[in-house]
Each structure stands twice: as structure tokens, then as C-alpha cells.
Amino acid sequence: MGSCQDGSMHRVAIVVQPGIRGFDLAVITEVWGPDRTRLGVPRFELRRCAVDTGPITLPGGLTLAPDRGLDWLAGADLVVVPALAEPSDPTPEPVLAALREAHARGVPVAALCAGAFILAEAGLLAGRRAVTHWSLAPRLAARHPAVLVEDAPLYVEDSGLWTSAGVASGIDLCLHLVRRAHGAEAAAAIARSMVTGPFRTGDHAQYLDRPTPAADRTAEALAAVRERALRHLGEPLSVATLARWAGMSPRSFARHFVAATGTTPHRWLLAHRLDAARRLLERTDHPVPEVARRAGFASEVTFRQHFTSSVGLSPRAYRAAARPSAGPARPNPGDSVRNGS
């Protein structure tokens, strides 16, 4: 993915214009801006790209100084689009044209929150899935009826175009993009420095009903089950097994699990097993069948199918991309597949 042949994303362009949300700008800058090489994170080149380099006024009395023109997008590995504070405000045609050109070159383009309106205005989302803040979803659908608007996921991808829901889900999407391009360890290091959770899959629900006091014991039981499952990812785990740990029937457990996490037990397990597999591929020389076994997949074939579908690379290609210049890692019999997120 991206313009780099190895799939990495070192050159990141923020598309800035008057009226963009300061929060979105801050999220993008915090993920790709600081030098975290001492933590094992690649060095990124983050540039603020605009129609011209004059000062830009943001809501809340802030002023932003772009440091590159839109022509810098031609060499970017990733283009990120902050939302406008007022989603219906028009975007200058040169910005829309630059986004269309970047996507045509195969560069991933990611829009945070109401940034989906900008991609839709550029004509990029017609006939494609997209998500925005749940409260804006009806408005996006009405304004751009050709867009396949969803109002539940935290973020979605369609044809190299990423969109995210509101506020904190922008962090989730940015970390997910780092994880896909540079591995779980890099994304986790950034998350730790930001003091945020390193892993939320896109199919988590945007909002969940607030638990009532009567549901506290159920929530605690489900949290304990998830913690136990993370310690035993390498073992066969069925919904019936998890339900038994929680002291519930499988049907009741599945219903409470979705209400608490926004995703099904099966999808939750799959996501964490894939993340565990990424860590093993990055940190060990275990053969792919052993990685599949340690991450809890029933067979190497099943593992390859899920991994390639999720990451976009085969397990061996992912390992090569994650450690292009490093010497071989040594297998550690004590390697854990537990993901603490």
C-alpha cells in the first residue's frame, strides 16, 4: 500500500485548509510528528500541505503555518485529511484535484471524522463504503447519495480510501495505519507515548449504551473473560468456552459481549490473534506454521487467509517488510502471544 514499494509510510502529508478542526490536526501531528526512533518507531516526515504557504486560520483562534504546497502530495506515502469544523463548507478545487490525483496514483488517503465530506466532494467515495461521526451520517448520505454511508464502525477502508468516525476514532485509524505499514510494535510504542489504547478494530461500535449499576457485575465478568482469553490465545477458544468462563449461556454471553465491546466474540478473538501473529512475525524466526499455532489458528491455511485479507500481505512478505534490514530474530520459547490492549 502507498507509493513506497515495501508498503511503508514514511512521508505523510496533511492536507490543510482554513476551518479544519484543531483536534484532528493535533491527532495526526502527535502520531506522525515526534521523533520516536529511540522507541523503535521509524522516523516520519510529516508536512502540512496547502494551496499556498500563507497562515491559515483555524477555529478557536488558532493559526497554522503550512510548510509545503499541494505538489508535495506527489511524493507522499500517505495523505491524511482533517475534517472541517463545518462539514458543509466547500473545499477549494485545487485541494480536491490534489486528492483525486493522489488516489489515482495509488496513495492511501485517510479522512478523519467529517473529512469524509471532503473526499465525497472530490468524488472519491461514490459507490464506496465510508463512515463519519454517527450524528453526521444521515447528513453525509443526504448530501452525497452515491456514497455507501455506514454509521456503526470506527473506521472503514474501500479502495485505498480510509474514513473514520468522530473524535477518538481518528486516533484509532491513525494507529491502525501505522500498524499496517510498520507493525504492531511501532503502533504500540506510539500508543504508549500518547497514553492511549493501542488496538481497537474498525468494527467496534461508535457508541455503546452506558452500563447501569445492575450491569456492573456482568461487565466485570466479561472483562475478566477477555483478560483470560488474551492469556490463552494459543489454545482453542470457542464461544461456548468463553461463556462457561463467564458463567453464562453462549447466547446470553454473545449478546452481552457485543453490547460491551461493539463486536462479536469471534471477531474479537480473530483481531487479537492476528495482532499476536504480527508480533511473532516481527520478533521471532518461528516458521509460519508455528506462528499460526501460537496465535491460536486452527491451521496454517486458515491463518494465511485471514492474515492476508487483514494486512494485505502474506505472513512471509509481512515479516520481510517488517524487518527489511535487521538480522534474523531468534526464536524465544517463552514468547507470549498475549496482547495487553
Protein backbone atom coordinates (compact mmCIF):
# COMPACT_ATOMS: atom_id res chain seq x y z
CA MET A 1 0.00 0.00 0.00
CA GLY A 2 1.16 3.54 -0.55
CA SER A 3 3.71 4.81 -3.03
CA CYS A 4 6.61 3.01 -1.32
CA GLN A 5 7.13 -0.40 -2.84
CA ASP A 6 7.71 -2.01 0.56
CA GLY A 7 4.38 -0.72 1.86
CA SER A 8 5.94 1.68 4.36
CA MET A 9 4.59 5.14 5.07
CA HIS A 10 7.46 7.47 5.90
CA ARG A 11 6.31 10.61 4.05
CA VAL A 12 2.95 11.74 5.41
CA ALA A 13 1.04 14.73 4.04
CA ILE A 14 -1.64 16.58 5.99
CA VAL A 15 -3.99 18.44 3.67
CA VAL A 16 -4.74 21.72 5.45
CA GLN A 17 -7.19 24.49 4.64
CA PRO A 18 -8.99 27.24 6.59
CA GLY A 19 -11.55 25.91 9.07
CA ILE A 20 -10.06 22.48 9.77
CA ARG A 21 -10.56 21.03 13.24
CA GLY A 22 -7.67 21.59 15.62
CA PHE A 23 -8.25 18.21 17.28
CA ASP A 24 -7.82 16.29 14.03
CA LEU A 25 -4.70 18.25 13.21
CA ALA A 26 -3.29 17.54 16.68
CA VAL A 27 -4.00 13.79 16.40
CA ILE A 28 -2.22 13.49 13.06
CA THR A 29 0.71 15.56 14.28
CA GLU A 30 1.04 13.57 17.51
CA VAL A 31 1.03 10.20 15.72
CA TRP A 32 3.47 11.01 12.89
CA GLY A 33 5.23 14.17 14.10
CA PRO A 34 7.51 13.37 17.09
CA ASP A 35 10.85 11.61 16.72
CA ARG A 36 10.33 8.26 18.45
CA THR A 37 13.23 6.38 16.90
CA ARG A 38 14.59 5.62 20.39
CA LEU A 39 11.39 3.61 20.93
CA GLY A 40 11.89 1.62 17.74
CA VAL A 41 9.45 3.73 15.70
CA PRO A 42 10.51 4.75 12.17
CA ARG A 43 11.30 8.39 11.51
CA PHE A 44 8.46 10.07 9.63
CA GLU A 45 8.47 13.19 7.51
CA LEU A 46 5.20 14.97 8.21
CA ARG A 47 4.29 18.00 6.12
CA ARG A 48 1.38 20.43 6.23
CA CYS A 49 0.32 20.91 2.61
CA ALA A 50 -1.95 23.72 1.40
CA VAL A 51 -2.87 25.72 -1.68
CA ASP A 52 -0.26 28.26 -0.59
CA THR A 53 2.03 28.65 2.40
CA GLY A 54 0.33 31.67 3.94
CA PRO A 55 -1.06 31.44 7.51
CA ILE A 56 -4.31 29.50 7.88
CA THR A 57 -6.95 30.36 10.46
CA LEU A 58 -8.46 27.51 12.45
CA PRO A 59 -11.49 27.54 14.77
CA GLY A 60 -10.77 28.62 18.34
CA GLY A 61 -8.38 31.43 17.45
CA LEU A 62 -5.57 29.14 16.26
CA THR A 63 -3.29 29.88 13.31
CA LEU A 64 -1.43 27.29 11.27
CA ALA A 65 1.60 27.77 9.03
CA PRO A 66 1.70 25.30 6.11
CA ASP A 67 5.20 24.24 5.14
CA ARG A 68 4.59 22.72 1.70
CA GLY A 69 2.35 23.22 -1.31
CA LEU A 70 -0.06 20.65 -2.65
CA ASP A 71 2.58 19.46 -5.10
CA TRP A 72 4.28 17.66 -2.16
CA LEU A 73 1.45 15.10 -2.25
CA ALA A 74 3.05 13.70 -5.42
CA GLY A 75 5.81 12.10 -3.34
CA ALA A 76 3.80 11.25 -0.22
CA ASP A 77 3.26 7.70 1.01
CA LEU A 78 0.07 8.63 2.86
CA VAL A 79 -2.32 11.58 2.67
CA VAL A 80 -4.38 12.46 5.75
CA VAL A 81 -7.35 14.85 5.62
CA PRO A 82 -8.57 16.59 8.80
CA ALA A 83 -12.25 17.46 9.00
CA LEU A 84 -13.67 20.92 8.60
CA ALA A 85 -15.40 22.24 11.71
CA GLU A 86 -18.40 22.91 9.49
CA PRO A 87 -18.66 19.85 7.22
CA SER A 88 -20.76 21.67 4.62
CA ASP A 89 -18.14 24.34 3.96
CA PRO A 90 -16.71 23.99 0.44
CA THR A 91 -13.16 22.83 -0.18
CA PRO A 92 -11.08 24.66 -2.81
CA GLU A 93 -10.94 22.86 -6.14
CA PRO A 94 -7.11 22.65 -6.13
CA VAL A 95 -7.33 20.64 -2.89
CA LEU A 96 -9.97 18.31 -4.35
CA ALA A 97 -7.91 17.86 -7.52
CA ALA A 98 -4.79 17.04 -5.49
CA LEU A 99 -6.71 14.38 -3.55
CA ARG A 100 -8.04 12.85 -6.76
CA GLU A 101 -4.54 12.76 -8.24
CA ALA A 102 -3.04 11.19 -5.09
CA HIS A 103 -5.67 8.45 -5.06
CA ALA A 104 -5.22 7.82 -8.79
CA ARG A 105 -1.51 7.18 -8.12
CA GLY A 106 -2.42 4.55 -5.53
CA VAL A 107 -1.52 6.61 -2.46
CA PRO A 108 -3.71 5.74 0.56
CA VAL A 109 -5.91 8.68 1.54
CA ALA A 110 -7.36 8.81 5.06
CA ALA A 111 -10.02 11.26 6.26
CA LEU A 112 -10.79 11.82 9.92
CA CYS A 113 -14.36 12.29 11.13
CA ALA A 114 -16.20 14.75 8.86
CA GLY A 115 -13.23 14.64 6.49
CA ALA A 116 -15.36 12.08 4.67
CA PHE A 117 -17.37 15.05 3.35
CA ILE A 118 -14.21 16.35 1.66
CA LEU A 119 -13.47 13.01 0.00
CA ALA A 120 -17.09 12.80 -1.11
CA GLU A 121 -16.94 16.33 -2.53
CA ALA A 122 -13.88 15.24 -4.51
CA GLY A 123 -15.98 12.42 -5.99
CA LEU A 124 -13.77 9.73 -4.47
CA LEU A 125 -16.42 7.99 -2.37
CA ALA A 126 -19.10 7.43 -4.99
CA GLY A 127 -20.14 3.77 -4.82
CA ARG A 128 -17.77 3.15 -1.92
CA ARG A 129 -18.18 2.48 1.80
CA ALA A 130 -17.48 5.36 4.14
CA VAL A 131 -18.07 6.29 7.74
CA THR A 132 -18.23 9.53 9.68
CA HIS A 133 -19.42 10.61 13.10
CA TRP A 134 -22.69 8.82 13.77
CA SER A 135 -24.56 12.12 14.15
CA LEU A 136 -23.34 13.27 10.72
CA ALA A 137 -24.02 10.03 8.85
CA PRO A 138 -27.56 10.99 7.72
CA ARG A 139 -26.26 14.36 6.56
CA LEU A 140 -23.44 12.76 4.54
CA ALA A 141 -25.87 10.30 2.97
CA ALA A 142 -28.31 13.06 2.03
CA ARG A 143 -25.63 15.35 0.63
CA HIS A 144 -23.83 12.58 -1.29
CA PRO A 145 -26.37 9.84 -2.05
CA ALA A 146 -23.89 7.81 -4.12
CA VAL A 147 -21.76 7.16 -1.02
CA LEU A 148 -22.40 3.91 0.88
CA VAL A 149 -22.56 5.53 4.30
CA GLU A 150 -22.23 3.43 7.45
CA ASP A 151 -22.86 4.78 10.92
CA ALA A 152 -21.57 2.00 13.15
CA PRO A 153 -17.85 1.20 12.59
CA LEU A 154 -14.96 3.22 13.99
CA TYR A 155 -13.23 3.23 10.61
CA VAL A 156 -13.53 1.54 7.22
CA GLU A 157 -11.45 1.20 4.07
CA ASP A 158 -12.59 0.92 0.48
CA SER A 159 -10.23 1.03 -2.50
CA GLY A 160 -7.43 2.74 -0.60
CA LEU A 161 -9.73 5.36 0.92
CA TRP A 162 -9.97 5.34 4.72
CA THR A 163 -12.63 7.15 6.71
CA SER A 164 -13.18 7.27 10.45
CA ALA A 165 -15.90 8.15 12.90
CA GLY A 166 -15.74 11.04 15.35
CA VAL A 167 -13.06 12.36 17.68
CA ALA A 168 -11.11 9.50 19.34
CA SER A 169 -11.70 7.09 16.47
CA GLY A 170 -9.34 9.29 14.45
CA ILE A 171 -6.60 8.13 16.82
CA ASP A 172 -7.67 4.52 16.24
CA LEU A 173 -7.44 4.93 12.47
CA CYS A 174 -4.05 6.64 12.58
CA LEU A 175 -2.61 3.93 14.82
CA HIS A 176 -4.14 1.26 12.59
CA LEU A 177 -2.41 2.79 9.55
CA VAL A 178 0.91 2.76 11.41
CA ARG A 179 0.31 -0.86 12.42
CA ARG A 180 -0.41 -1.95 8.85
CA ALA A 181 2.64 -0.18 7.42
CA HIS A 182 5.20 -0.59 10.20
CA GLY A 183 3.98 -3.33 12.50
CA ALA A 184 2.28 -3.80 15.84
CA GLU A 185 5.36 -2.86 17.88
CA ALA A 186 5.65 0.59 16.27
CA ALA A 187 1.92 1.28 16.72
CA ALA A 188 2.04 0.11 20.34
CA ALA A 189 5.06 2.33 21.08
CA ILE A 190 3.24 5.37 19.70
CA ALA A 191 0.10 4.46 21.66
CA ARG A 192 2.08 4.12 24.90
CA SER A 193 3.66 7.53 24.41
CA MET A 194 0.20 9.01 23.79
CA VAL A 195 -1.23 7.10 26.78
CA THR A 196 -3.98 5.60 24.65
CA GLY A 197 -5.10 2.06 23.89
CA PRO A 198 -3.07 0.52 21.06
CA PHE A 199 -5.71 -1.68 19.48
CA ARG A 200 -9.34 -1.14 18.56
CA THR A 201 -10.60 -2.82 15.45
CA GLY A 202 -12.65 -0.85 12.96
CA ASP A 203 -15.77 -2.89 13.59
CA HIS A 204 -16.08 -1.71 17.19
CA ALA A 205 -19.31 0.24 17.61
CA GLN A 206 -19.05 4.03 17.58
CA TYR A 207 -21.07 4.37 20.75
CA LEU A 208 -22.31 1.97 23.36
CA ASP A 209 -25.17 2.22 25.80
CA ARG A 210 -24.00 3.42 29.18
CA PRO A 211 -23.98 0.48 31.62
CA THR A 212 -26.39 0.64 34.51
CA PRO A 213 -25.21 -0.22 38.03
CA ALA A 214 -27.06 -3.52 37.78
CA ALA A 215 -24.86 -4.45 34.82
CA ASP A 216 -21.57 -3.81 36.62
CA ARG A 217 -21.08 -7.46 37.62
CA THR A 218 -21.68 -8.57 34.04
CA ALA A 219 -19.18 -6.00 32.75
CA GLU A 220 -16.59 -7.19 35.26
CA ALA A 221 -17.16 -10.82 34.29
CA LEU A 222 -16.76 -10.02 30.61
CA ALA A 223 -13.58 -8.04 31.26
CA ALA A 224 -12.17 -10.98 33.21
CA VAL A 225 -13.02 -13.34 30.35
CA ARG A 226 -11.27 -11.09 27.82
CA GLU A 227 -8.21 -10.88 30.04
CA ARG A 228 -8.14 -14.67 30.44
CA ALA A 229 -8.63 -15.20 26.71
CA LEU A 230 -5.64 -12.96 25.94
CA ARG A 231 -3.50 -15.21 28.13
CA HIS A 232 -4.68 -18.30 26.26
CA LEU A 233 -4.86 -17.15 22.64
CA GLY A 234 -2.77 -20.11 21.52
CA GLU A 235 -5.41 -22.55 22.73
CA PRO A 236 -8.69 -23.49 21.01
CA LEU A 237 -11.26 -21.00 22.29
CA SER A 238 -14.91 -21.28 21.35
CA VAL A 239 -17.79 -19.02 22.32
CA ALA A 240 -19.03 -21.88 24.47
CA THR A 241 -15.72 -21.93 26.35
CA LEU A 242 -15.74 -18.17 26.92
CA ALA A 243 -19.37 -18.32 28.00
CA ARG A 244 -18.56 -21.05 30.51
CA TRP A 245 -15.79 -18.87 31.97
CA ALA A 246 -18.33 -16.06 32.36
CA GLY A 247 -20.96 -18.36 33.87
CA MET A 248 -23.44 -17.61 31.08
CA SER A 249 -25.17 -19.44 28.28
CA PRO A 250 -23.44 -18.97 24.88
CA ARG A 251 -26.35 -16.95 23.55
CA SER A 252 -26.50 -14.64 26.56
CA PHE A 253 -22.71 -14.29 26.58
CA ALA A 254 -22.59 -13.33 22.90
CA ARG A 255 -25.31 -10.73 23.40
CA HIS A 256 -23.60 -9.15 26.41
CA PHE A 257 -20.21 -9.29 24.67
CA VAL A 258 -21.46 -7.30 21.68
CA ALA A 259 -23.12 -4.77 23.99
CA ALA A 260 -19.87 -4.30 25.93
CA THR A 261 -17.35 -4.25 23.08
CA GLY A 262 -19.26 -3.43 19.92
CA THR A 263 -18.07 -6.60 18.19
CA THR A 264 -18.72 -10.34 18.35
CA PRO A 265 -16.57 -12.77 20.37
CA HIS A 266 -15.39 -14.40 17.13
CA ARG A 267 -14.26 -11.13 15.57
CA TRP A 268 -12.64 -10.01 18.82
CA LEU A 269 -10.64 -13.23 19.04
CA LEU A 270 -9.66 -13.07 15.39
CA ALA A 271 -8.43 -9.48 15.69
CA HIS A 272 -6.28 -10.26 18.71
CA ARG A 273 -4.93 -13.45 17.16
CA LEU A 274 -3.92 -11.51 14.06
CA ASP A 275 -2.22 -8.91 16.24
CA ALA A 276 -0.41 -11.67 18.13
CA ALA A 277 0.70 -13.17 14.83
CA ARG A 278 2.09 -9.81 13.71
CA ARG A 279 4.14 -9.60 16.88
CA LEU A 280 5.52 -13.11 16.40
CA LEU A 281 6.41 -12.43 12.76
CA GLU A 282 8.17 -9.22 13.75
CA ARG A 283 10.04 -10.52 16.78
CA THR A 284 10.85 -14.20 16.10
CA ASP A 285 12.03 -16.56 13.39
CA HIS A 286 9.33 -19.12 14.12
CA PRO A 287 8.17 -20.79 10.88
CA VAL A 288 4.79 -19.62 9.64
CA PRO A 289 3.02 -22.83 10.75
CA GLU A 290 4.40 -22.32 14.27
CA VAL A 291 3.27 -18.67 14.26
CA ALA A 292 -0.20 -19.84 13.25
CA ARG A 293 -0.25 -22.41 16.07
CA ARG A 294 0.99 -19.99 18.74
CA ALA A 295 -1.53 -17.36 17.69
CA GLY A 296 -4.35 -19.88 18.01
CA PHE A 297 -5.31 -20.56 14.40
CA ALA A 298 -6.70 -23.99 13.61
CA SER A 299 -4.49 -24.41 10.54
CA GLU A 300 -1.79 -22.66 8.57
CA VAL A 301 -4.17 -22.28 5.63
CA THR A 302 -6.79 -20.53 7.76
CA PHE A 303 -4.10 -18.29 9.24
CA ARG A 304 -2.74 -17.31 5.82
CA GLN A 305 -6.21 -16.50 4.52
CA HIS A 306 -7.16 -14.29 7.47
CA PHE A 307 -3.76 -12.63 7.70
CA THR A 308 -3.54 -11.77 4.00
CA SER A 309 -7.11 -10.49 3.97
CA SER A 310 -6.49 -8.27 7.01
CA VAL A 311 -2.97 -7.00 6.36
CA GLY A 312 -2.75 -7.09 2.58
CA LEU A 313 0.48 -9.12 2.66
CA SER A 314 1.23 -12.80 3.15
CA PRO A 315 2.83 -13.68 6.51
CA ARG A 316 6.26 -14.15 4.88
CA ALA A 317 6.00 -10.89 2.93
CA TYR A 318 4.92 -9.09 6.09
CA ARG A 319 7.92 -10.46 8.01
CA ALA A 320 10.29 -9.34 5.24
CA ALA A 321 8.75 -5.86 5.16
CA ALA A 322 8.79 -5.52 8.95
CA ARG A 323 12.47 -6.42 9.20
CA PRO A 324 13.98 -5.38 5.87
CA SER A 325 17.47 -4.62 7.18
CA ALA A 326 17.58 -6.31 10.56
CA GLY A 327 19.35 -9.57 11.21
CA PRO A 328 17.27 -12.65 11.88
CA ALA A 329 15.43 -12.66 15.16
CA ARG A 330 15.97 -15.62 17.43
CA PRO A 331 13.06 -17.79 18.44
CA ASN A 332 12.27 -17.47 22.09
CA PRO A 333 10.41 -20.44 23.54
CA GLY A 334 8.86 -18.10 26.07
CA ASP A 335 7.47 -15.68 23.53
CA SER A 336 3.98 -14.72 24.60
CA VAL A 337 1.13 -14.03 22.21
CA ARG A 338 -0.69 -12.05 24.83
CA ASN A 339 -1.78 -8.60 23.71
CA GLY A 340 -2.42 -6.38 26.67
CA SER A 341 -4.59 -3.87 24.87
